[in-house]
Amino acid sequence: MAHPSPDMPLAGRMRPTSLDEVIGQSHLLAPGAPLRRLVEQGHLPSLILHGEAGIGKTTIAMLLADAVGRPFHALSALNTGVKQLREVLEAGGGSGGLALESPVVFIDEIHRFNKAQQDALLGAVESGDVTLIGATTENPSFSVNNALLSRCQVYRLEPLSESHIETVLRRAIDHDIVLKEYDIELVAQDFISQLAHGDARKALNLLELAVQTADPNQSPIIIDQDLVASVAQSALARYDKDGEQHYDMVSAMIKSVRGSDPDAALYWMARMLVGGEPADFIARRLVILASEDIGNANPNALLLADAALRSVQSIGMPEARIILGQVVVYLATSAKSNSTYKAINAAMKLAQSDASAVPLHLRNGVTSLMKSQGYGAGYVYPHDYPNHYYPQSYLPEQLQGTRFYNYADNKREQHSQQFMNWLKSQAASND
């Protein structure tokens, strides 16, 4: 690789030039790890690198191609159409499927390719004319079509830890062709790590801005929290509402409510709101949760969640946060039950394989012909009996005794069970 120019951004100048220089991702690149073993054997299959921004997907793709001696062609899904893609694939073809000769085609943001673009890759990948390395910040299971996904190995890259980020920063100060000419005292490495959220590129950008903003007559140049804060225009938590974090954070919120932790539930909901998640999406998830995880342990939970959804839709942000805050605390601190959720799932499962006819006494005999055929015969109207209850069968004969719903051990459902037991005992005594 060419020597970096001083005019390049710091992140570009500090790009690793070999796999040994990569910081982090030891689960893939350490001796004996999967990607390291592959390149040591001179083999590189088509693969997808999945992980957040700034953790080395592009760099690792370049270094993998270099390690096995393959030509490297980089494309971005943001500005590559099907025509351009086919031109690159055709230029790389003709290797006859010889893996050692096939070029590596790197596609950044591959999740942004539509189905036609992804389909255009299939033939070249399957024949071995090219080796595809796709990079995505989204879960490939959701964003890459199954046909292409089945032809690629998927590797998850992890966000860099705070110690990794500190190593990145220290290496830049000690070895960068520009920064090493300064006397720099870094005391805000923890703060930079917090702002970077595992993103090495963001950390290096903050360091470079801080050095450029500092008093040039100062020696040493002290990179402290105040200086970093002054150059960080926004320290908002990173949140991709269109990507995997969208699913991860709503899952964290739901699990926190289910686990009766109002503080954690508020935190994850706040992260989503600050990141721009639509308030009505959060409200809809809370309506579902109110029924699935609370149910008849507290029927008011569903009413409150539904009212919150309608209120959020009519009011909007920022005031909607107040309503959402109220309902998420109410749901988190409510009694919990998933008995009705389990019951409907069990009934749905049986319904998929059972086609029992409706018993005649439960059918509606609306015509004389139906009545002559026995429709409605034998049905007992419960309201004509004490307590508006009469014991009769409502399931097909072969399903008699089947139980889908079991009362959970909360006060409300235990009260309902006691009431049902009382009804049955009263009906038996009246007989």
Protein backbone atom coordinates (compact mmCIF):
# COMPACT_ATOMS: atom_id res chain seq x y z
CA MET A 1 0.00 0.00 0.00
CA ALA A 2 1.16 3.55 -0.77
CA HIS A 3 2.48 5.77 2.00
CA PRO A 4 -0.27 8.04 3.35
CA SER A 5 -0.23 11.70 2.41
CA PRO A 6 -0.21 14.35 5.18
CA ASP A 7 -3.23 15.85 3.43
CA MET A 8 -5.32 12.76 4.10
CA PRO A 9 -7.61 12.71 7.16
CA LEU A 10 -6.01 11.10 10.21
CA ALA A 11 -8.31 8.07 9.97
CA GLY A 12 -7.06 7.42 6.44
CA ARG A 13 -3.42 7.89 7.40
CA MET A 14 -3.78 5.39 10.25
CA ARG A 15 -5.45 2.68 8.19
CA PRO A 16 -3.67 -0.64 8.96
CA THR A 17 -1.43 -1.99 6.22
CA SER A 18 -1.49 -5.63 7.37
CA LEU A 19 -3.80 -7.93 9.31
CA ASP A 20 -1.32 -7.84 12.19
CA GLU A 21 -1.93 -4.10 12.59
CA VAL A 22 -5.68 -4.43 12.94
CA ILE A 23 -6.85 -3.50 16.45
CA GLY A 24 -9.68 -5.64 17.75
CA GLN A 25 -11.54 -8.47 15.96
CA SER A 26 -9.25 -11.06 17.52
CA HIS A 27 -12.09 -13.61 17.31
CA LEU A 28 -11.62 -13.48 13.51
CA LEU A 29 -8.00 -12.44 12.97
CA ALA A 30 -5.93 -13.84 15.85
CA PRO A 31 -3.74 -16.90 15.14
CA GLY A 32 -6.03 -19.87 14.68
CA ALA A 33 -9.14 -17.69 14.19
CA PRO A 34 -11.36 -18.34 11.13
CA LEU A 35 -10.30 -15.55 8.76
CA ARG A 36 -6.66 -15.87 9.71
CA ARG A 37 -6.72 -19.62 8.94
CA LEU A 38 -8.36 -18.98 5.56
CA VAL A 39 -5.76 -16.50 4.33
CA GLU A 40 -2.87 -18.56 5.67
CA GLN A 41 -4.14 -21.38 3.46
CA GLY A 42 -4.40 -18.96 0.52
CA HIS A 43 -8.16 -19.36 0.40
CA LEU A 44 -10.76 -16.61 0.48
CA PRO A 45 -14.45 -17.46 0.00
CA SER A 46 -17.21 -14.97 -0.63
CA LEU A 47 -18.21 -13.47 2.68
CA ILE A 48 -20.19 -10.73 4.37
CA LEU A 49 -18.73 -8.61 7.16
CA HIS A 50 -21.45 -7.44 9.51
CA GLY A 51 -20.87 -4.75 12.12
CA GLU A 52 -21.25 -1.13 13.11
CA ALA A 53 -19.58 1.78 11.32
CA GLY A 54 -15.93 2.56 11.89
CA ILE A 55 -14.76 -0.82 13.17
CA GLY A 56 -12.72 -1.87 10.15
CA LYS A 57 -14.95 -3.68 7.64
CA THR A 58 -13.47 -1.95 4.59
CA THR A 59 -9.91 -2.18 5.88
CA ILE A 60 -10.22 -5.87 6.70
CA ALA A 61 -11.66 -6.58 3.24
CA MET A 62 -8.69 -4.86 1.58
CA LEU A 63 -6.19 -6.66 3.79
CA LEU A 64 -7.79 -10.06 3.17
CA ALA A 65 -7.55 -9.55 -0.58
CA ASP A 66 -3.96 -8.40 -0.24
CA ALA A 67 -3.08 -11.40 1.95
CA VAL A 68 -4.15 -13.86 -0.75
CA GLY A 69 -2.77 -11.81 -3.65
CA ARG A 70 -6.06 -10.92 -5.32
CA PRO A 71 -6.93 -7.71 -7.18
CA PHE A 72 -9.38 -5.61 -5.19
CA HIS A 73 -12.32 -3.65 -6.64
CA ALA A 74 -14.32 -1.48 -4.25
CA LEU A 75 -17.88 -0.36 -4.96
CA SER A 76 -20.44 1.47 -2.87
CA ALA A 77 -24.06 0.40 -2.93
CA LEU A 78 -24.97 4.07 -2.58
CA ASN A 79 -23.80 5.01 -6.07
CA THR A 80 -23.56 1.76 -8.04
CA GLY A 81 -26.33 0.69 -10.37
CA VAL A 82 -26.94 -2.71 -11.96
CA LYS A 83 -25.22 -1.62 -15.19
CA GLN A 84 -22.02 -0.53 -13.41
CA LEU A 85 -22.07 -3.65 -11.28
CA ARG A 86 -22.31 -5.93 -14.31
CA GLU A 87 -19.42 -4.11 -16.00
CA VAL A 88 -17.21 -4.78 -12.98
CA LEU A 89 -18.31 -8.40 -12.79
CA GLU A 90 -17.71 -8.96 -16.50
CA ALA A 91 -14.27 -7.35 -16.25
CA GLY A 92 -13.44 -9.72 -13.42
CA GLY A 93 -14.80 -12.79 -15.17
CA GLY A 94 -13.00 -15.29 -17.30
CA SER A 95 -10.99 -16.86 -14.50
CA GLY A 96 -12.82 -20.10 -15.06
CA GLY A 97 -13.68 -20.26 -11.40
CA LEU A 98 -10.02 -20.47 -10.30
CA ALA A 99 -10.24 -19.08 -6.78
CA LEU A 100 -6.58 -17.98 -6.69
CA GLU A 101 -7.10 -15.72 -9.71
CA SER A 102 -10.57 -14.35 -9.13
CA PRO A 103 -10.66 -10.69 -8.11
CA VAL A 104 -12.26 -9.54 -4.87
CA VAL A 105 -15.25 -7.27 -5.41
CA PHE A 106 -15.96 -5.33 -2.24
CA ILE A 107 -19.42 -3.79 -1.89
CA ASP A 108 -19.90 -1.39 0.98
CA GLU A 109 -23.41 -0.98 2.39
CA ILE A 110 -24.54 -4.09 0.52
CA HIS A 111 -27.86 -3.99 2.39
CA ARG A 112 -28.74 -0.96 0.26
CA PHE A 113 -28.67 -3.05 -2.91
CA ASN A 114 -32.16 -3.87 -4.15
CA LYS A 115 -33.15 -7.39 -5.19
CA ALA A 116 -32.14 -6.84 -8.84
CA GLN A 117 -28.69 -5.64 -7.82
CA GLN A 118 -28.19 -8.52 -5.42
CA ASP A 119 -29.41 -10.99 -8.02
CA ALA A 120 -26.83 -9.61 -10.46
CA LEU A 121 -24.11 -10.84 -8.12
CA LEU A 122 -25.35 -14.43 -7.91
CA GLY A 123 -23.97 -15.87 -11.12
CA ALA A 124 -20.45 -14.45 -10.74
CA VAL A 125 -20.26 -15.49 -7.10
CA GLU A 126 -21.57 -18.98 -7.78
CA SER A 127 -19.16 -19.57 -10.69
CA GLY A 128 -16.19 -18.28 -8.72
CA ASP A 129 -15.43 -15.60 -11.33
CA VAL A 130 -15.33 -13.11 -8.46
CA THR A 131 -15.06 -13.31 -4.72
CA LEU A 132 -17.60 -11.07 -3.06
CA ILE A 133 -16.96 -9.31 0.22
CA GLY A 134 -20.01 -7.38 1.33
CA ALA A 135 -20.04 -4.98 4.25
CA THR A 136 -23.21 -4.11 6.11
CA THR A 137 -24.21 -2.37 9.30
CA GLU A 138 -27.49 -4.27 9.27
CA ASN A 139 -28.22 -7.86 10.19
CA PRO A 140 -27.71 -9.77 6.91
CA SER A 141 -30.60 -12.08 7.79
CA PHE A 142 -32.93 -9.13 7.29
CA SER A 143 -31.14 -7.16 4.57
CA VAL A 144 -29.50 -9.64 2.18
CA ASN A 145 -31.64 -11.99 0.10
CA ASN A 146 -31.45 -15.66 0.94
CA ALA A 147 -30.00 -16.78 -2.39
CA LEU A 148 -26.98 -14.50 -2.03
CA LEU A 149 -26.68 -15.10 1.70
CA SER A 150 -26.46 -18.86 1.17
CA ARG A 151 -23.40 -18.36 -1.05
CA CYS A 152 -21.47 -16.32 1.52
CA GLN A 153 -19.90 -16.89 4.90
CA VAL A 154 -21.13 -14.29 7.39
CA TYR A 155 -18.78 -12.89 10.03
CA ARG A 156 -19.81 -10.51 12.78
CA LEU A 157 -17.34 -7.75 13.70
CA GLU A 158 -17.53 -6.43 17.24
CA PRO A 159 -17.44 -2.76 18.29
CA LEU A 160 -14.06 -1.73 19.63
CA SER A 161 -13.70 -1.65 23.40
CA GLU A 162 -12.52 1.42 25.30
CA SER A 163 -9.06 -0.14 25.59
CA HIS A 164 -9.04 -0.72 21.81
CA ILE A 165 -9.98 2.92 21.19
CA GLU A 166 -7.23 4.10 23.55
CA THR A 167 -4.73 1.93 21.64
CA VAL A 168 -5.90 3.49 18.36
CA LEU A 169 -5.45 6.99 19.77
CA ARG A 170 -2.06 6.32 21.31
CA ARG A 171 -0.80 4.72 18.11
CA ALA A 172 -1.90 7.78 16.13
CA ILE A 173 -0.13 10.17 18.51
CA ASP A 174 3.08 8.12 18.45
CA HIS A 175 3.27 7.07 14.81
CA ASP A 176 1.18 9.33 12.57
CA ILE A 177 3.40 11.35 10.21
CA VAL A 178 1.69 14.58 11.29
CA LEU A 179 0.83 14.10 14.97
CA LYS A 180 4.21 12.68 15.97
CA GLU A 181 5.72 16.09 15.24
CA TYR A 182 3.69 17.59 18.13
CA ASP A 183 4.08 17.19 21.87
CA ILE A 184 0.59 15.89 22.68
CA GLU A 185 -0.72 14.99 26.12
CA LEU A 186 -3.92 12.98 25.85
CA VAL A 187 -5.98 13.04 29.04
CA ALA A 188 -9.48 12.70 27.51
CA GLN A 189 -9.14 9.20 26.07
CA ASP A 190 -12.05 7.92 28.18
CA PHE A 191 -14.29 10.77 27.02
CA ILE A 192 -13.36 10.24 23.39
CA SER A 193 -14.11 6.52 23.78
CA GLN A 194 -17.54 7.32 25.19
CA LEU A 195 -18.33 9.63 22.29
CA ALA A 196 -16.98 7.18 19.72
CA HIS A 197 -19.13 4.21 20.82
CA GLY A 198 -16.62 1.68 19.50
CA ASP A 199 -16.06 3.58 16.23
CA ALA A 200 -12.30 4.03 15.59
CA ARG A 201 -12.87 6.45 12.72
CA LYS A 202 -14.99 8.72 14.91
CA ALA A 203 -12.38 8.60 17.68
CA LEU A 204 -9.59 9.57 15.30
CA ASN A 205 -11.69 12.36 13.81
CA LEU A 206 -12.29 13.80 17.28
CA LEU A 207 -8.58 13.60 18.11
CA GLU A 208 -7.63 15.31 14.85
CA LEU A 209 -10.17 18.11 15.35
CA ALA A 210 -8.99 18.63 18.90
CA VAL A 211 -5.34 18.94 17.80
CA GLN A 212 -6.28 21.33 14.98
CA THR A 213 -8.37 23.46 17.35
CA ALA A 214 -5.84 23.63 20.18
CA ASP A 215 -3.57 26.61 20.74
CA PRO A 216 -0.57 25.99 18.42
CA ASN A 217 1.69 27.86 20.85
CA GLN A 218 0.84 25.54 23.69
CA SER A 219 3.39 22.84 24.55
CA PRO A 220 2.44 20.23 25.29
CA ILE A 221 -0.93 20.29 23.53
CA ILE A 222 -3.30 19.02 26.20
CA ILE A 223 -6.26 17.09 24.81
CA ASP A 224 -8.71 17.31 27.70
CA GLN A 225 -12.46 16.83 28.01
CA ASP A 226 -13.29 20.52 27.56
CA LEU A 227 -11.35 20.70 24.30
CA VAL A 228 -12.90 17.51 22.94
CA ALA A 229 -16.40 18.64 23.95
CA SER A 230 -15.88 21.95 22.15
CA VAL A 231 -15.12 20.20 18.84
CA ALA A 232 -17.72 17.47 19.14
CA GLN A 233 -20.72 19.21 17.62
CA SER A 234 -23.02 16.46 18.85
CA ALA A 235 -22.50 13.75 21.40
CA LEU A 236 -25.82 12.06 20.68
CA ALA A 237 -25.91 8.33 21.19
CA ARG A 238 -25.46 6.53 17.90
CA TYR A 239 -28.68 4.90 16.83
CA ASP A 240 -29.61 3.57 13.41
CA LYS A 241 -33.38 3.48 13.41
CA ASP A 242 -33.37 1.72 10.04
CA GLY A 243 -30.83 -0.93 11.02
CA GLU A 244 -30.20 -3.66 13.55
CA GLN A 245 -30.02 -1.24 16.49
CA HIS A 246 -33.68 -0.53 15.81
CA TYR A 247 -34.45 -4.16 16.65
CA ASP A 248 -31.89 -4.47 19.45
CA MET A 249 -33.06 -1.44 21.42
CA VAL A 250 -36.76 -2.10 21.15
CA SER A 251 -35.98 -5.65 22.28
CA ALA A 252 -34.05 -4.26 25.24
CA MET A 253 -36.95 -1.99 26.17
CA ILE A 254 -39.50 -4.79 25.95
CA LYS A 255 -37.35 -7.17 27.98
CA SER A 256 -36.84 -4.47 30.61
CA VAL A 257 -40.60 -3.91 30.95
CA ARG A 258 -41.20 -7.66 31.02
CA GLY A 259 -38.56 -7.94 33.72
CA SER A 260 -40.27 -5.20 35.81
CA ASP A 261 -37.34 -2.76 35.63
CA PRO A 262 -38.81 0.72 35.01
CA ASP A 263 -35.41 2.46 35.01
CA ALA A 264 -33.92 0.25 32.29
CA ALA A 265 -37.16 0.49 30.28
CA LEU A 266 -37.03 4.29 30.45
CA TYR A 267 -33.36 4.30 29.44
CA TRP A 268 -33.80 2.17 26.32
CA MET A 269 -36.93 4.09 25.33
CA ALA A 270 -35.06 7.37 25.77
CA ARG A 271 -32.22 6.06 23.59
CA MET A 272 -34.72 5.34 20.83
CA LEU A 273 -36.45 8.70 21.14
CA VAL A 274 -33.17 10.63 21.14
CA GLY A 275 -32.09 8.62 18.10
CA GLY A 276 -35.20 9.66 16.18
CA GLU A 277 -37.37 6.55 16.51
CA PRO A 278 -41.00 7.50 15.76
CA ALA A 279 -42.95 7.76 19.01
CA ASP A 280 -45.94 5.91 17.56
CA PHE A 281 -43.76 2.88 16.73
CA ILE A 282 -42.73 2.66 20.39
CA ALA A 283 -46.35 3.10 21.48
CA ARG A 284 -47.52 0.27 19.22
CA ARG A 285 -44.90 -2.07 20.70
CA LEU A 286 -46.16 -1.17 24.18
CA VAL A 287 -49.74 -2.03 23.19
CA ILE A 288 -48.58 -5.48 22.07
CA LEU A 289 -46.53 -5.91 25.23
CA ALA A 290 -49.47 -4.93 27.45
CA SER A 291 -51.43 -7.89 26.13
CA GLU A 292 -48.57 -10.38 25.70
CA ASP A 293 -46.72 -9.87 28.97
CA ILE A 294 -49.37 -8.44 31.32
CA GLY A 295 -52.67 -9.66 29.93
CA ASN A 296 -55.34 -10.50 32.45
CA ALA A 297 -53.04 -9.94 35.40
CA ASN A 298 -53.98 -6.28 34.85
CA PRO A 299 -56.42 -5.66 31.98
CA ASN A 300 -56.10 -1.90 32.51
CA ALA A 301 -52.58 -2.11 31.09
CA LEU A 302 -53.93 -2.72 27.59
CA LEU A 303 -56.41 0.15 27.96
CA LEU A 304 -53.69 2.54 29.07
CA ALA A 305 -51.28 1.45 26.34
CA ASP A 306 -53.96 1.84 23.67
CA ALA A 307 -54.87 5.28 25.01
CA ALA A 308 -51.18 6.20 24.90
CA LEU A 309 -50.94 5.14 21.26
CA ARG A 310 -53.87 7.33 20.27
CA SER A 311 -52.56 10.24 22.34
CA VAL A 312 -49.06 9.98 20.88
CA GLN A 313 -50.46 9.94 17.35
CA SER A 314 -52.54 13.06 17.97
CA ILE A 315 -49.94 15.03 19.97
CA GLY A 316 -46.55 14.04 18.58
CA MET A 317 -43.09 14.80 19.90
CA PRO A 318 -41.68 16.26 22.06
CA GLU A 319 -44.70 16.10 24.40
CA ALA A 320 -45.37 12.47 23.46
CA ARG A 321 -42.33 11.51 25.53
CA ILE A 322 -44.29 12.35 28.69
CA ILE A 323 -47.12 9.99 27.77
CA LEU A 324 -44.70 7.24 26.78
CA GLY A 325 -42.78 7.71 30.01
CA GLN A 326 -45.95 7.30 32.05
CA VAL A 327 -47.12 4.19 30.26
CA VAL A 328 -43.73 2.44 30.22
CA VAL A 329 -43.38 2.92 33.99
CA TYR A 330 -46.95 1.69 34.54
CA LEU A 331 -46.34 -1.42 32.43
CA ALA A 332 -42.98 -2.16 34.03
CA THR A 333 -44.41 -1.96 37.55
CA SER A 334 -47.59 -3.91 36.77
CA ALA A 335 -48.27 -7.54 37.65
CA LYS A 336 -47.21 -9.80 34.78
CA SER A 337 -48.78 -12.78 33.05
CA ASN A 338 -48.33 -14.45 29.68
CA SER A 339 -51.08 -17.02 30.24
CA THR A 340 -53.36 -15.70 27.49
CA TYR A 341 -50.42 -15.31 25.10
CA LYS A 342 -49.53 -18.96 25.64
CA ALA A 343 -53.18 -19.95 25.34
CA ILE A 344 -53.75 -18.37 21.93
CA ASN A 345 -50.46 -19.80 20.65
CA ALA A 346 -51.50 -23.28 21.75
CA ALA A 347 -54.93 -22.88 20.16
CA MET A 348 -53.39 -21.60 16.90
CA LYS A 349 -51.01 -24.54 16.79
CA LEU A 350 -53.85 -27.03 17.15
CA ALA A 351 -56.00 -25.15 14.65
CA GLN A 352 -53.32 -25.63 11.98
CA SER A 353 -53.77 -29.40 12.09
CA ASP A 354 -57.37 -29.85 13.26
CA ALA A 355 -60.46 -29.41 11.10
CA SER A 356 -63.18 -30.68 13.43
CA ALA A 357 -66.73 -29.79 12.47
CA VAL A 358 -68.71 -27.40 14.63
CA PRO A 359 -71.03 -29.46 16.88
CA LEU A 360 -74.66 -29.23 15.76
CA HIS A 361 -75.89 -27.65 18.98
CA LEU A 362 -73.49 -24.72 18.48
CA ARG A 363 -74.58 -24.05 14.91
CA ASN A 364 -77.07 -21.33 14.10
CA GLY A 365 -80.30 -22.80 12.68
CA VAL A 366 -81.51 -19.77 10.76
CA THR A 367 -83.66 -21.66 8.23
CA SER A 368 -86.20 -24.41 8.61
CA LEU A 369 -83.98 -26.77 6.61
CA MET A 370 -81.08 -26.15 8.99
CA LYS A 371 -83.32 -26.74 11.97
CA SER A 372 -84.56 -30.00 10.44
CA GLN A 373 -80.95 -31.08 10.12
CA GLY A 374 -80.38 -30.50 13.82
CA TYR A 375 -78.68 -27.12 13.72
CA GLY A 376 -78.92 -25.56 17.20
CA ALA A 377 -80.70 -28.56 18.70
CA GLY A 378 -79.78 -29.11 22.33
CA TYR A 379 -78.13 -25.75 22.87
CA VAL A 380 -78.82 -24.34 26.33
CA TYR A 381 -79.06 -20.55 26.75
CA PRO A 382 -76.91 -19.76 29.83
CA HIS A 383 -78.79 -16.56 30.75
CA ASP A 384 -81.87 -18.64 31.58
CA TYR A 385 -80.00 -20.25 34.50
CA PRO A 386 -78.73 -19.05 37.88
CA ASN A 387 -75.55 -16.98 37.72
CA HIS A 388 -75.96 -16.95 33.91
CA TYR A 389 -74.11 -20.25 33.65
CA TYR A 390 -74.99 -23.74 32.48
CA PRO A 391 -72.38 -26.49 32.04
CA GLN A 392 -72.39 -27.73 28.47
CA SER A 393 -69.80 -28.75 25.89
CA TYR A 394 -68.44 -26.14 23.50
CA LEU A 395 -65.60 -28.13 21.91
CA PRO A 396 -65.81 -30.85 19.24
CA GLU A 397 -66.27 -34.27 20.78
CA GLN A 398 -62.72 -35.44 20.07
CA LEU A 399 -61.32 -32.35 21.78
CA GLN A 400 -63.30 -32.65 25.00
CA GLY A 401 -61.12 -31.76 27.98
CA THR A 402 -58.51 -29.88 25.94
CA ARG A 403 -56.99 -27.00 27.89
CA PHE A 404 -55.35 -24.01 26.25
CA TYR A 405 -55.65 -21.48 29.03
CA ASN A 406 -54.15 -22.02 32.48
CA TYR A 407 -54.68 -19.43 35.19
CA ALA A 408 -51.43 -17.72 36.17
CA ASP A 409 -50.41 -17.13 39.76
CA ASN A 410 -51.40 -13.48 40.01
CA LYS A 411 -54.17 -11.99 42.10
CA ARG A 412 -56.46 -11.10 39.21
CA GLU A 413 -56.32 -14.47 37.44
CA GLN A 414 -56.50 -16.40 40.70
CA HIS A 415 -59.67 -14.46 41.51
CA SER A 416 -61.05 -15.38 38.07
CA GLN A 417 -60.25 -19.04 38.68
CA GLN A 418 -61.96 -18.96 42.06
CA PHE A 419 -65.03 -17.40 40.44
CA MET A 420 -65.16 -20.07 37.72
CA ASN A 421 -64.80 -22.83 40.29
CA TRP A 422 -67.65 -21.26 42.29
CA LEU A 423 -69.86 -21.10 39.18
CA LYS A 424 -69.30 -24.79 38.47
CA SER A 425 -69.93 -25.79 42.06
CA GLN A 426 -73.18 -23.79 42.14
CA ALA A 427 -74.34 -25.40 38.88
CA ALA A 428 -73.55 -28.87 40.29
CA SER A 429 -75.48 -28.16 43.50
CA ASN A 430 -78.50 -26.93 41.52
CA ASP A 431 -78.61 -30.24 39.69
